[in-house]
Amino acid sequence: MSNQETTLETWKQIWTRKGLADSSVTDLLAYDGYEATKVDMEEVARQIAKRLDIQKNDKVLEVGCGAGALAQYLDCDYVGIDYSPTLVRKHIEILHNSVLTGEAADLPFKDKSFDKVICYGVYLYFDNKEYADKATKELLRVAKKGVLIGEIPMRSHRTEHLLFNKEDFQGWDISDGFYDPYRKDRFNAVYLFS
């Protein structure tokens, strides 16, 4: 192993470390990696709820839920999943939601278990496109009515982010990112079942 490999944290290590941050930190944006952004997560949640037509009785799965920055604004029958056990614990501790640890590319749910599925601000952290393709298939598999994958990067300020093209989501409804300065660098993809 080179020195560079030993000093660079993997994304999984970064999210695990963030989940271990001081419990007095109550800003869910910081736990979930948005601390240096200008995101209005409440507005993002409104946009997602509008695009997926999320109703109070809808059973909704959020994949890559982190500590709950988005979940805190969703009014539905919510379930979350994240691969960071420390963020899952933080999410449960702060929001008391039903959340479990697991991988986006291997969801532990039966087919069509949820009305709607959200995966927001997650695809940029996947290791490669093969994993992303498996995750997309899993999101579609467990959804009955619709899937929203949000904040998919075409360009990024970080070389570690996995990048996509809108063509990677043919057949999906594509829209610009929800907030500046990433509105033109990232996009959202919605798939509604007929």
N, C-alpha and C. Protein backbone atom coordinates (compact mmCIF):
# COMPACT_ATOMS: atom_id res chain seq x y z
N MET A 1 0.84 -1.18 0.00
CA MET A 1 0.00 0.00 0.00
C MET A 1 0.89 1.25 0.00
N SER A 2 0.58 2.22 -0.86
CA SER A 2 1.37 3.45 -0.93
C SER A 2 0.98 4.39 0.20
N ASN A 3 1.81 5.41 0.43
CA ASN A 3 1.49 6.41 1.46
C ASN A 3 0.19 7.12 1.16
N GLN A 4 -0.03 7.39 -0.15
CA GLN A 4 -1.25 8.08 -0.52
C GLN A 4 -2.48 7.22 -0.17
N GLU A 5 -2.42 5.94 -0.41
CA GLU A 5 -3.54 5.05 -0.10
C GLU A 5 -3.81 4.97 1.40
N THR A 6 -2.76 5.04 2.21
CA THR A 6 -2.96 4.93 3.65
C THR A 6 -3.49 6.22 4.25
N THR A 7 -3.29 7.37 3.58
CA THR A 7 -3.74 8.63 4.15
C THR A 7 -5.12 9.04 3.65
N LEU A 8 -5.57 8.50 2.53
CA LEU A 8 -6.89 8.86 2.02
C LEU A 8 -7.97 7.99 2.66
N GLU A 9 -9.00 8.66 3.16
CA GLU A 9 -10.13 7.93 3.72
C GLU A 9 -11.07 7.53 2.59
N THR A 10 -11.71 6.40 2.73
CA THR A 10 -12.77 6.03 1.79
C THR A 10 -14.01 6.84 2.18
N TRP A 11 -14.98 6.91 1.24
CA TRP A 11 -16.22 7.60 1.59
C TRP A 11 -16.88 6.93 2.78
N LYS A 12 -16.84 5.62 2.83
CA LYS A 12 -17.46 4.90 3.95
C LYS A 12 -16.81 5.30 5.27
N GLN A 13 -15.49 5.44 5.28
CA GLN A 13 -14.79 5.86 6.50
C GLN A 13 -15.17 7.30 6.88
N ILE A 14 -15.31 8.15 5.87
CA ILE A 14 -15.68 9.55 6.13
C ILE A 14 -17.06 9.61 6.78
N TRP A 15 -18.03 8.85 6.22
CA TRP A 15 -19.39 8.90 6.78
C TRP A 15 -19.45 8.25 8.16
N THR A 16 -18.66 7.24 8.38
CA THR A 16 -18.61 6.63 9.71
C THR A 16 -18.04 7.63 10.72
N ARG A 17 -16.98 8.33 10.33
CA ARG A 17 -16.38 9.35 11.20
C ARG A 17 -17.38 10.47 11.49
N LYS A 18 -18.11 10.92 10.48
CA LYS A 18 -19.08 12.00 10.68
C LYS A 18 -20.16 11.56 11.70
N GLY A 19 -20.57 10.30 11.62
CA GLY A 19 -21.57 9.81 12.55
C GLY A 19 -21.08 9.73 13.98
N LEU A 20 -19.74 9.74 14.17
CA LEU A 20 -19.16 9.71 15.51
C LEU A 20 -18.95 11.11 16.09
N ALA A 21 -19.29 12.14 15.32
CA ALA A 21 -19.08 13.52 15.77
C ALA A 21 -19.82 13.78 17.07
N ASP A 22 -19.37 14.78 17.79
CA ASP A 22 -19.93 15.18 19.07
C ASP A 22 -21.46 15.20 19.04
N SER A 23 -22.08 14.55 20.00
CA SER A 23 -23.54 14.49 20.06
C SER A 23 -24.19 15.84 20.26
N SER A 24 -23.42 16.83 20.67
CA SER A 24 -24.02 18.14 20.87
C SER A 24 -24.27 18.83 19.53
N VAL A 25 -23.69 18.29 18.45
CA VAL A 25 -23.95 18.84 17.13
C VAL A 25 -25.36 18.43 16.75
N THR A 26 -26.23 19.41 16.56
CA THR A 26 -27.62 19.08 16.21
C THR A 26 -27.93 19.41 14.76
N ASP A 27 -26.98 19.96 14.03
CA ASP A 27 -27.20 20.31 12.63
C ASP A 27 -27.08 19.07 11.76
N LEU A 28 -28.22 18.54 11.32
CA LEU A 28 -28.22 17.34 10.51
C LEU A 28 -27.51 17.56 9.18
N LEU A 29 -27.46 18.80 8.70
CA LEU A 29 -26.74 19.08 7.46
C LEU A 29 -25.25 18.76 7.62
N ALA A 30 -24.69 19.06 8.78
CA ALA A 30 -23.27 18.78 9.02
C ALA A 30 -23.00 17.28 9.05
N TYR A 31 -23.85 16.53 9.71
CA TYR A 31 -23.66 15.08 9.75
C TYR A 31 -23.72 14.48 8.35
N ASP A 32 -24.61 15.03 7.51
CA ASP A 32 -24.85 14.46 6.20
C ASP A 32 -24.02 15.08 5.08
N GLY A 33 -23.02 15.91 5.44
CA GLY A 33 -22.07 16.41 4.46
C GLY A 33 -22.47 17.67 3.72
N TYR A 34 -23.48 18.37 4.18
CA TYR A 34 -23.93 19.60 3.50
C TYR A 34 -23.46 20.87 4.21
N GLU A 35 -22.56 20.74 5.16
CA GLU A 35 -22.19 21.90 5.98
C GLU A 35 -21.57 23.04 5.19
N ALA A 36 -20.94 22.77 4.06
CA ALA A 36 -20.29 23.82 3.27
C ALA A 36 -21.15 24.25 2.09
N THR A 37 -22.44 23.89 2.09
CA THR A 37 -23.31 24.22 0.97
C THR A 37 -24.35 25.26 1.38
N LYS A 38 -25.09 25.73 0.40
CA LYS A 38 -26.17 26.68 0.66
C LYS A 38 -27.53 26.01 0.49
N VAL A 39 -27.57 24.71 0.72
CA VAL A 39 -28.81 23.97 0.53
C VAL A 39 -29.86 24.36 1.56
N ASP A 40 -31.09 24.51 1.08
CA ASP A 40 -32.25 24.67 1.95
C ASP A 40 -32.95 23.31 1.90
N MET A 41 -32.63 22.43 2.83
CA MET A 41 -33.11 21.06 2.78
C MET A 41 -34.62 20.97 2.91
N GLU A 42 -35.22 21.92 3.61
CA GLU A 42 -36.68 21.92 3.70
C GLU A 42 -37.29 22.15 2.31
N GLU A 43 -36.70 23.07 1.55
CA GLU A 43 -37.17 23.32 0.18
C GLU A 43 -36.90 22.12 -0.72
N VAL A 44 -35.75 21.48 -0.56
CA VAL A 44 -35.44 20.27 -1.33
C VAL A 44 -36.50 19.20 -1.04
N ALA A 45 -36.84 19.02 0.23
CA ALA A 45 -37.87 18.04 0.61
C ALA A 45 -39.20 18.38 -0.04
N ARG A 46 -39.55 19.66 -0.08
CA ARG A 46 -40.80 20.09 -0.73
C ARG A 46 -40.78 19.73 -2.22
N GLN A 47 -39.64 20.00 -2.86
CA GLN A 47 -39.51 19.69 -4.29
C GLN A 47 -39.63 18.18 -4.55
N ILE A 48 -38.97 17.40 -3.72
CA ILE A 48 -39.03 15.93 -3.87
C ILE A 48 -40.45 15.44 -3.65
N ALA A 49 -41.10 15.94 -2.61
CA ALA A 49 -42.48 15.53 -2.31
C ALA A 49 -43.41 15.89 -3.47
N LYS A 50 -43.17 17.04 -4.09
CA LYS A 50 -43.98 17.47 -5.23
C LYS A 50 -43.72 16.58 -6.44
N ARG A 51 -42.45 16.33 -6.75
CA ARG A 51 -42.10 15.53 -7.94
C ARG A 51 -42.58 14.09 -7.83
N LEU A 52 -42.55 13.54 -6.61
CA LEU A 52 -43.00 12.16 -6.41
C LEU A 52 -44.45 12.07 -5.93
N ASP A 53 -45.07 13.23 -5.72
CA ASP A 53 -46.44 13.29 -5.18
C ASP A 53 -46.54 12.45 -3.91
N ILE A 54 -45.66 12.74 -2.96
CA ILE A 54 -45.64 12.00 -1.69
C ILE A 54 -46.81 12.44 -0.82
N GLN A 55 -47.62 11.45 -0.44
CA GLN A 55 -48.77 11.68 0.42
C GLN A 55 -48.46 11.16 1.83
N LYS A 56 -49.18 11.68 2.81
CA LYS A 56 -48.93 11.31 4.20
C LYS A 56 -48.95 9.79 4.43
N ASN A 57 -49.83 9.06 3.74
CA ASN A 57 -49.94 7.62 3.93
C ASN A 57 -48.99 6.80 3.06
N ASP A 58 -48.23 7.45 2.19
CA ASP A 58 -47.29 6.72 1.34
C ASP A 58 -46.16 6.12 2.17
N LYS A 59 -45.83 4.88 1.85
CA LYS A 59 -44.68 4.24 2.47
C LYS A 59 -43.47 4.60 1.61
N VAL A 60 -42.53 5.35 2.20
CA VAL A 60 -41.40 5.91 1.45
C VAL A 60 -40.08 5.41 2.03
N LEU A 61 -39.21 4.94 1.14
CA LEU A 61 -37.87 4.52 1.52
C LEU A 61 -36.88 5.58 1.05
N GLU A 62 -36.00 6.01 1.97
CA GLU A 62 -34.88 6.87 1.58
C GLU A 62 -33.61 6.04 1.67
N VAL A 63 -32.95 5.88 0.53
CA VAL A 63 -31.70 5.13 0.44
C VAL A 63 -30.54 6.12 0.55
N GLY A 64 -29.63 5.89 1.50
CA GLY A 64 -28.56 6.84 1.77
C GLY A 64 -29.08 7.98 2.63
N CYS A 65 -29.85 7.63 3.65
CA CYS A 65 -30.56 8.62 4.47
C CYS A 65 -29.66 9.38 5.44
N GLY A 66 -28.45 8.87 5.71
CA GLY A 66 -27.57 9.54 6.64
C GLY A 66 -28.24 9.76 7.99
N ALA A 67 -27.95 10.89 8.61
CA ALA A 67 -28.49 11.20 9.93
C ALA A 67 -29.88 11.81 9.86
N GLY A 68 -30.39 12.06 8.64
CA GLY A 68 -31.77 12.52 8.52
C GLY A 68 -31.97 13.96 8.08
N ALA A 69 -30.98 14.57 7.41
CA ALA A 69 -31.12 15.96 6.96
C ALA A 69 -32.36 16.15 6.10
N LEU A 70 -32.64 15.20 5.22
CA LEU A 70 -33.83 15.27 4.37
C LEU A 70 -35.05 14.70 5.11
N ALA A 71 -34.87 13.58 5.79
CA ALA A 71 -35.97 12.88 6.45
C ALA A 71 -36.74 13.77 7.42
N GLN A 72 -36.05 14.69 8.08
CA GLN A 72 -36.73 15.54 9.06
C GLN A 72 -37.87 16.36 8.46
N TYR A 73 -37.87 16.52 7.14
CA TYR A 73 -38.89 17.33 6.48
C TYR A 73 -39.90 16.51 5.67
N LEU A 74 -39.81 15.21 5.73
CA LEU A 74 -40.74 14.37 4.97
C LEU A 74 -41.90 13.93 5.87
N ASP A 75 -43.11 14.11 5.38
CA ASP A 75 -44.31 13.75 6.14
C ASP A 75 -44.96 12.55 5.45
N CYS A 76 -44.57 11.35 5.88
CA CYS A 76 -45.04 10.11 5.24
C CYS A 76 -44.70 8.94 6.17
N ASP A 77 -45.01 7.74 5.73
CA ASP A 77 -44.63 6.52 6.45
C ASP A 77 -43.19 6.22 6.01
N TYR A 78 -42.23 6.70 6.78
CA TYR A 78 -40.82 6.76 6.38
C TYR A 78 -40.00 5.57 6.88
N VAL A 79 -39.13 5.08 6.00
CA VAL A 79 -38.09 4.10 6.36
C VAL A 79 -36.81 4.58 5.70
N GLY A 80 -35.70 4.51 6.42
CA GLY A 80 -34.41 4.90 5.86
C GLY A 80 -33.41 3.77 5.91
N ILE A 81 -32.42 3.84 5.01
CA ILE A 81 -31.33 2.87 5.02
C ILE A 81 -30.05 3.61 4.62
N ASP A 82 -28.95 3.27 5.29
CA ASP A 82 -27.66 3.88 5.00
C ASP A 82 -26.56 2.88 5.33
N TYR A 83 -25.43 2.98 4.63
CA TYR A 83 -24.35 2.02 4.89
C TYR A 83 -23.46 2.41 6.05
N SER A 84 -23.68 3.59 6.64
CA SER A 84 -22.89 4.02 7.79
C SER A 84 -23.64 3.71 9.08
N PRO A 85 -23.15 2.72 9.85
CA PRO A 85 -23.85 2.39 11.10
C PRO A 85 -23.87 3.56 12.09
N THR A 86 -22.86 4.40 12.06
CA THR A 86 -22.84 5.53 13.00
C THR A 86 -23.88 6.58 12.62
N LEU A 87 -24.08 6.82 11.31
CA LEU A 87 -25.12 7.76 10.90
C LEU A 87 -26.51 7.19 11.14
N VAL A 88 -26.67 5.90 10.95
CA VAL A 88 -27.95 5.25 11.25
C VAL A 88 -28.29 5.43 12.73
N ARG A 89 -27.31 5.18 13.61
CA ARG A 89 -27.54 5.38 15.05
C ARG A 89 -27.90 6.83 15.35
N LYS A 90 -27.17 7.77 14.72
CA LYS A 90 -27.44 9.20 14.94
C LYS A 90 -28.86 9.55 14.48
N HIS A 91 -29.26 9.03 13.33
CA HIS A 91 -30.60 9.28 12.77
C HIS A 91 -31.68 8.80 13.76
N ILE A 92 -31.53 7.59 14.25
CA ILE A 92 -32.49 7.03 15.20
C ILE A 92 -32.51 7.84 16.50
N GLU A 93 -31.32 8.19 16.96
CA GLU A 93 -31.19 8.97 18.21
C GLU A 93 -31.87 10.33 18.11
N ILE A 94 -31.71 11.00 16.97
CA ILE A 94 -32.23 12.36 16.82
C ILE A 94 -33.69 12.39 16.36
N LEU A 95 -34.03 11.58 15.34
CA LEU A 95 -35.36 11.66 14.73
C LEU A 95 -36.29 10.50 15.10
N HIS A 96 -35.73 9.43 15.68
CA HIS A 96 -36.52 8.26 16.08
C HIS A 96 -37.25 7.60 14.92
N ASN A 97 -36.68 7.69 13.71
CA ASN A 97 -37.26 7.05 12.53
C ASN A 97 -36.88 5.58 12.48
N SER A 98 -37.59 4.84 11.66
CA SER A 98 -37.25 3.45 11.37
C SER A 98 -36.13 3.46 10.33
N VAL A 99 -34.91 3.12 10.76
CA VAL A 99 -33.74 3.20 9.89
C VAL A 99 -32.86 1.99 10.13
N LEU A 100 -32.30 1.44 9.04
CA LEU A 100 -31.39 0.31 9.19
C LEU A 100 -30.14 0.49 8.35
N THR A 101 -29.16 -0.34 8.65
CA THR A 101 -27.88 -0.30 7.94
C THR A 101 -27.94 -1.27 6.77
N GLY A 102 -27.50 -0.80 5.60
CA GLY A 102 -27.49 -1.65 4.42
C GLY A 102 -26.94 -0.94 3.21
N GLU A 103 -26.76 -1.69 2.15
CA GLU A 103 -26.17 -1.20 0.90
C GLU A 103 -27.24 -0.87 -0.14
N ALA A 104 -27.03 0.20 -0.88
CA ALA A 104 -27.96 0.62 -1.93
C ALA A 104 -28.08 -0.42 -3.04
N ALA A 105 -27.01 -1.15 -3.31
CA ALA A 105 -27.01 -2.13 -4.41
C ALA A 105 -27.50 -3.50 -3.96
N ASP A 106 -27.93 -3.63 -2.71
CA ASP A 106 -28.42 -4.91 -2.20
C ASP A 106 -29.44 -4.63 -1.09
N LEU A 107 -30.57 -4.06 -1.47
CA LEU A 107 -31.58 -3.66 -0.48
C LEU A 107 -32.29 -4.88 0.11
N PRO A 108 -32.43 -4.92 1.43
CA PRO A 108 -33.02 -6.09 2.11
C PRO A 108 -34.55 -6.04 2.18
N PHE A 109 -35.18 -5.66 1.06
CA PHE A 109 -36.64 -5.54 1.03
C PHE A 109 -37.19 -6.36 -0.14
N LYS A 110 -38.44 -6.78 0.00
CA LYS A 110 -39.12 -7.51 -1.07
C LYS A 110 -39.45 -6.55 -2.21
N ASP A 111 -39.72 -7.11 -3.38
CA ASP A 111 -40.15 -6.32 -4.54
C ASP A 111 -41.37 -5.49 -4.17
N LYS A 112 -41.38 -4.26 -4.66
CA LYS A 112 -42.52 -3.34 -4.48
C LYS A 112 -42.93 -3.17 -3.02
N SER A 113 -41.96 -3.07 -2.13
CA SER A 113 -42.24 -2.89 -0.69
C SER A 113 -42.64 -1.46 -0.34
N PHE A 114 -42.30 -0.49 -1.20
CA PHE A 114 -42.52 0.92 -0.90
C PHE A 114 -43.27 1.60 -2.03
N ASP A 115 -44.11 2.57 -1.68
CA ASP A 115 -44.79 3.35 -2.72
C ASP A 115 -43.77 4.17 -3.51
N LYS A 116 -42.92 4.89 -2.78
CA LYS A 116 -41.95 5.78 -3.42
C LYS A 116 -40.57 5.54 -2.79
N VAL A 117 -39.53 5.76 -3.60
CA VAL A 117 -38.15 5.59 -3.14
C VAL A 117 -37.36 6.84 -3.51
N ILE A 118 -36.58 7.33 -2.55
CA ILE A 118 -35.74 8.52 -2.73
C ILE A 118 -34.29 8.12 -2.50
N CYS A 119 -33.41 8.63 -3.35
CA CYS A 119 -31.97 8.49 -3.14
C CYS A 119 -31.36 9.83 -3.52
N TYR A 120 -31.17 10.70 -2.54
CA TYR A 120 -30.78 12.08 -2.80
C TYR A 120 -29.36 12.37 -2.31
N GLY A 121 -28.52 12.89 -3.20
CA GLY A 121 -27.16 13.27 -2.81
C GLY A 121 -26.28 12.10 -2.47
N VAL A 122 -26.50 10.96 -3.14
CA VAL A 122 -25.79 9.73 -2.80
C VAL A 122 -24.93 9.21 -3.95
N TYR A 123 -25.43 9.32 -5.17
CA TYR A 123 -24.74 8.69 -6.31
C TYR A 123 -23.32 9.21 -6.51
N LEU A 124 -23.04 10.43 -6.15
CA LEU A 124 -21.69 10.97 -6.28
C LEU A 124 -20.68 10.24 -5.40
N TYR A 125 -21.15 9.52 -4.38
CA TYR A 125 -20.25 8.81 -3.46
C TYR A 125 -20.08 7.33 -3.80
N PHE A 126 -20.78 6.85 -4.81
CA PHE A 126 -20.61 5.45 -5.21
C PHE A 126 -19.20 5.25 -5.79
N ASP A 127 -18.68 4.03 -5.63
CA ASP A 127 -17.32 3.73 -6.09
C ASP A 127 -17.19 3.68 -7.61
N ASN A 128 -18.24 3.22 -8.29
CA ASN A 128 -18.15 3.09 -9.75
C ASN A 128 -19.55 2.98 -10.35
N LYS A 129 -19.60 3.04 -11.68
CA LYS A 129 -20.88 3.01 -12.40
C LYS A 129 -21.56 1.65 -12.27
N GLU A 130 -20.78 0.58 -12.16
CA GLU A 130 -21.38 -0.75 -12.01
C GLU A 130 -22.21 -0.80 -10.72
N TYR A 131 -21.66 -0.27 -9.63
CA TYR A 131 -22.39 -0.22 -8.37
C TYR A 131 -23.64 0.65 -8.54
N ALA A 132 -23.48 1.80 -9.20
CA ALA A 132 -24.61 2.71 -9.42
C ALA A 132 -25.72 2.02 -10.21
N ASP A 133 -25.36 1.25 -11.23
CA ASP A 133 -26.36 0.53 -12.03
C ASP A 133 -27.10 -0.49 -11.17
N LYS A 134 -26.36 -1.21 -10.32
CA LYS A 134 -27.00 -2.18 -9.42
C LYS A 134 -27.94 -1.46 -8.45
N ALA A 135 -27.50 -0.32 -7.92
CA ALA A 135 -28.33 0.45 -6.99
C ALA A 135 -29.61 0.92 -7.68
N THR A 136 -29.49 1.42 -8.91
CA THR A 136 -30.67 1.88 -9.64
C THR A 136 -31.67 0.75 -9.83
N LYS A 137 -31.18 -0.42 -10.19
CA LYS A 137 -32.07 -1.59 -10.35
C LYS A 137 -32.77 -1.93 -9.03
N GLU A 138 -32.04 -1.81 -7.93
CA GLU A 138 -32.62 -2.10 -6.62
C GLU A 138 -33.69 -1.06 -6.24
N LEU A 139 -33.43 0.21 -6.51
CA LEU A 139 -34.41 1.25 -6.20
C LEU A 139 -35.71 0.99 -6.96
N LEU A 140 -35.57 0.66 -8.25
CA LEU A 140 -36.74 0.37 -9.07
C LEU A 140 -37.46 -0.90 -8.62
N ARG A 141 -36.69 -1.88 -8.18
CA ARG A 141 -37.26 -3.16 -7.75
C ARG A 141 -38.17 -3.00 -6.53
N VAL A 142 -37.75 -2.17 -5.56
CA VAL A 142 -38.51 -2.08 -4.30
C VAL A 142 -39.62 -1.03 -4.34
N ALA A 143 -39.71 -0.28 -5.45
CA ALA A 143 -40.71 0.78 -5.56
C ALA A 143 -41.96 0.31 -6.30
N LYS A 144 -43.12 0.82 -5.88
CA LYS A 144 -44.38 0.52 -6.57
C LYS A 144 -44.77 1.64 -7.52
N LYS A 145 -44.58 2.90 -7.08
CA LYS A 145 -45.12 4.03 -7.84
C LYS A 145 -44.06 4.95 -8.44
N GLY A 146 -42.93 5.14 -7.76
CA GLY A 146 -41.95 6.06 -8.32
C GLY A 146 -40.64 6.10 -7.55
N VAL A 147 -39.61 6.57 -8.27
CA VAL A 147 -38.26 6.70 -7.71
C VAL A 147 -37.71 8.07 -8.08
N LEU A 148 -37.08 8.73 -7.12
CA LEU A 148 -36.34 9.96 -7.40
C LEU A 148 -34.90 9.77 -6.97
N ILE A 149 -34.00 9.95 -7.92
CA ILE A 149 -32.56 9.98 -7.63
C ILE A 149 -32.15 11.42 -7.82
N GLY A 150 -31.63 12.03 -6.77
CA GLY A 150 -31.36 13.47 -6.83
C GLY A 150 -29.90 13.82 -6.63
N GLU A 151 -29.60 15.02 -7.12
CA GLU A 151 -28.26 15.61 -7.01
C GLU A 151 -27.20 14.70 -7.63
N ILE A 152 -27.49 14.26 -8.86
CA ILE A 152 -26.56 13.42 -9.61
C ILE A 152 -25.58 14.34 -10.32
N PRO A 153 -24.27 14.21 -10.05
CA PRO A 153 -23.32 15.18 -10.60
C PRO A 153 -22.86 14.87 -12.04
N MET A 154 -22.84 15.94 -12.85
CA MET A 154 -22.22 15.87 -14.18
C MET A 154 -20.80 16.44 -14.10
N ARG A 155 -20.64 17.42 -13.21
CA ARG A 155 -19.35 18.05 -12.94
C ARG A 155 -19.24 18.22 -11.43
N SER A 156 -18.02 18.28 -10.91
CA SER A 156 -17.87 18.44 -9.47
C SER A 156 -16.58 19.16 -9.14
N HIS A 157 -16.55 19.77 -7.98
CA HIS A 157 -15.36 20.43 -7.46
C HIS A 157 -14.40 19.41 -6.83
N ARG A 158 -14.84 18.16 -6.69
CA ARG A 158 -14.01 17.12 -6.08
C ARG A 158 -13.76 16.00 -7.08
N THR A 159 -12.51 15.64 -7.25
CA THR A 159 -12.17 14.57 -8.20
C THR A 159 -12.66 13.21 -7.71
N GLU A 160 -12.92 13.07 -6.42
CA GLU A 160 -13.37 11.79 -5.86
C GLU A 160 -14.83 11.48 -6.18
N HIS A 161 -15.60 12.49 -6.61
CA HIS A 161 -17.01 12.26 -6.91
C HIS A 161 -17.18 11.50 -8.21
N LEU A 162 -18.09 10.55 -8.22
CA LEU A 162 -18.45 9.80 -9.42
C LEU A 162 -19.38 10.68 -10.26
N LEU A 163 -19.06 10.82 -11.55
CA LEU A 163 -19.82 11.69 -12.44
C LEU A 163 -20.69 10.88 -13.39
N PHE A 164 -21.80 11.50 -13.83
CA PHE A 164 -22.78 10.86 -14.70
C PHE A 164 -23.15 11.80 -15.83
N ASN A 165 -23.83 11.26 -16.81
CA ASN A 165 -24.45 12.04 -17.89
C ASN A 165 -25.94 11.82 -17.80
N LYS A 166 -26.70 12.80 -18.29
CA LYS A 166 -28.16 12.64 -18.28
C LYS A 166 -28.56 11.41 -19.09
N GLU A 167 -27.77 11.07 -20.11
CA GLU A 167 -28.06 9.90 -20.95
C GLU A 167 -27.99 8.59 -20.15
N ASP A 168 -27.30 8.61 -19.00
CA ASP A 168 -27.25 7.42 -18.14
C ASP A 168 -28.63 7.07 -17.59
N PHE A 169 -29.57 8.02 -17.68
CA PHE A 169 -30.90 7.83 -17.13
C PHE A 169 -31.96 8.01 -18.22
N GLN A 170 -31.75 7.35 -19.35
CA GLN A 170 -32.72 7.40 -20.45
C GLN A 170 -34.06 6.82 -19.99
N GLY A 171 -35.13 7.52 -20.38
CA GLY A 171 -36.46 7.08 -19.99
C GLY A 171 -36.93 7.68 -18.68
N TRP A 172 -36.04 8.39 -17.98
CA TRP A 172 -36.38 9.05 -16.73
C TRP A 172 -36.71 10.52 -17.04
N ASP A 173 -37.50 11.15 -16.17
CA ASP A 173 -37.76 12.58 -16.27
C ASP A 173 -36.60 13.31 -15.60
N ILE A 174 -35.87 14.11 -16.37
CA ILE A 174 -34.65 14.77 -15.88
C ILE A 174 -34.94 16.25 -15.61
N SER A 175 -34.42 16.75 -14.49
CA SER A 175 -34.53 18.18 -14.16
C SER A 175 -33.22 18.65 -13.56
N ASP A 176 -33.04 19.97 -13.56
CA ASP A 176 -31.82 20.56 -12.97
C ASP A 176 -31.78 20.31 -11.47
N GLY A 177 -30.57 20.47 -10.90
CA GLY A 177 -30.40 20.37 -9.45
C GLY A 177 -31.31 21.34 -8.72
N PHE A 178 -31.54 21.11 -7.45
CA PHE A 178 -32.49 21.91 -6.69
C PHE A 178 -31.92 23.21 -6.11
N TYR A 179 -30.60 23.37 -6.10
CA TYR A 179 -30.08 24.59 -5.47
C TYR A 179 -28.75 25.01 -6.09
N ASP A 180 -28.47 26.33 -5.96
CA ASP A 180 -27.20 26.90 -6.45
C ASP A 180 -26.12 26.63 -5.43
N PRO A 181 -24.87 26.51 -5.81
CA PRO A 181 -24.33 26.72 -7.16
C PRO A 181 -24.36 25.48 -8.04
N TYR A 182 -25.04 24.42 -7.61
CA TYR A 182 -24.98 23.14 -8.33
C TYR A 182 -26.14 22.93 -9.31
N ARG A 183 -27.01 23.92 -9.45
CA ARG A 183 -28.21 23.75 -10.26
C ARG A 183 -27.90 23.25 -11.68
N LYS A 184 -26.82 23.71 -12.29
CA LYS A 184 -26.47 23.31 -13.65
C LYS A 184 -25.41 22.20 -13.69
N ASP A 185 -24.80 21.89 -12.55
CA ASP A 185 -23.77 20.84 -12.49
C ASP A 185 -24.33 19.49 -12.06
N ARG A 186 -25.53 19.50 -11.51
CA ARG A 186 -26.15 18.28 -11.01
C ARG A 186 -27.58 18.21 -11.52
N PHE A 187 -28.12 17.01 -11.57
CA PHE A 187 -29.48 16.86 -12.05
C PHE A 187 -30.23 15.84 -11.21
N ASN A 188 -31.53 15.83 -11.39
CA ASN A 188 -32.41 14.89 -10.70
C ASN A 188 -33.07 14.01 -11.75
N ALA A 189 -33.32 12.76 -11.42
CA ALA A 189 -33.98 11.85 -12.32
C ALA A 189 -35.17 11.21 -11.59
N VAL A 190 -36.34 11.29 -12.22
CA VAL A 190 -37.56 10.72 -11.62
C VAL A 190 -38.10 9.67 -12.57
N TYR A 191 -38.46 8.53 -12.00
CA TYR A 191 -39.10 7.47 -12.77
C TYR A 191 -40.42 7.15 -12.11
N LEU A 192 -41.52 7.35 -12.86
CA LEU A 192 -42.85 7.04 -12.34
C LEU A 192 -43.38 5.83 -13.08
N PHE A 193 -43.89 4.85 -12.32
CA PHE A 193 -44.47 3.66 -12.93
C PHE A 193 -45.86 4.00 -13.44
N SER A 194 -46.22 3.47 -14.60
CA SER A 194 -47.55 3.78 -15.15
C SER A 194 -48.62 2.95 -14.51
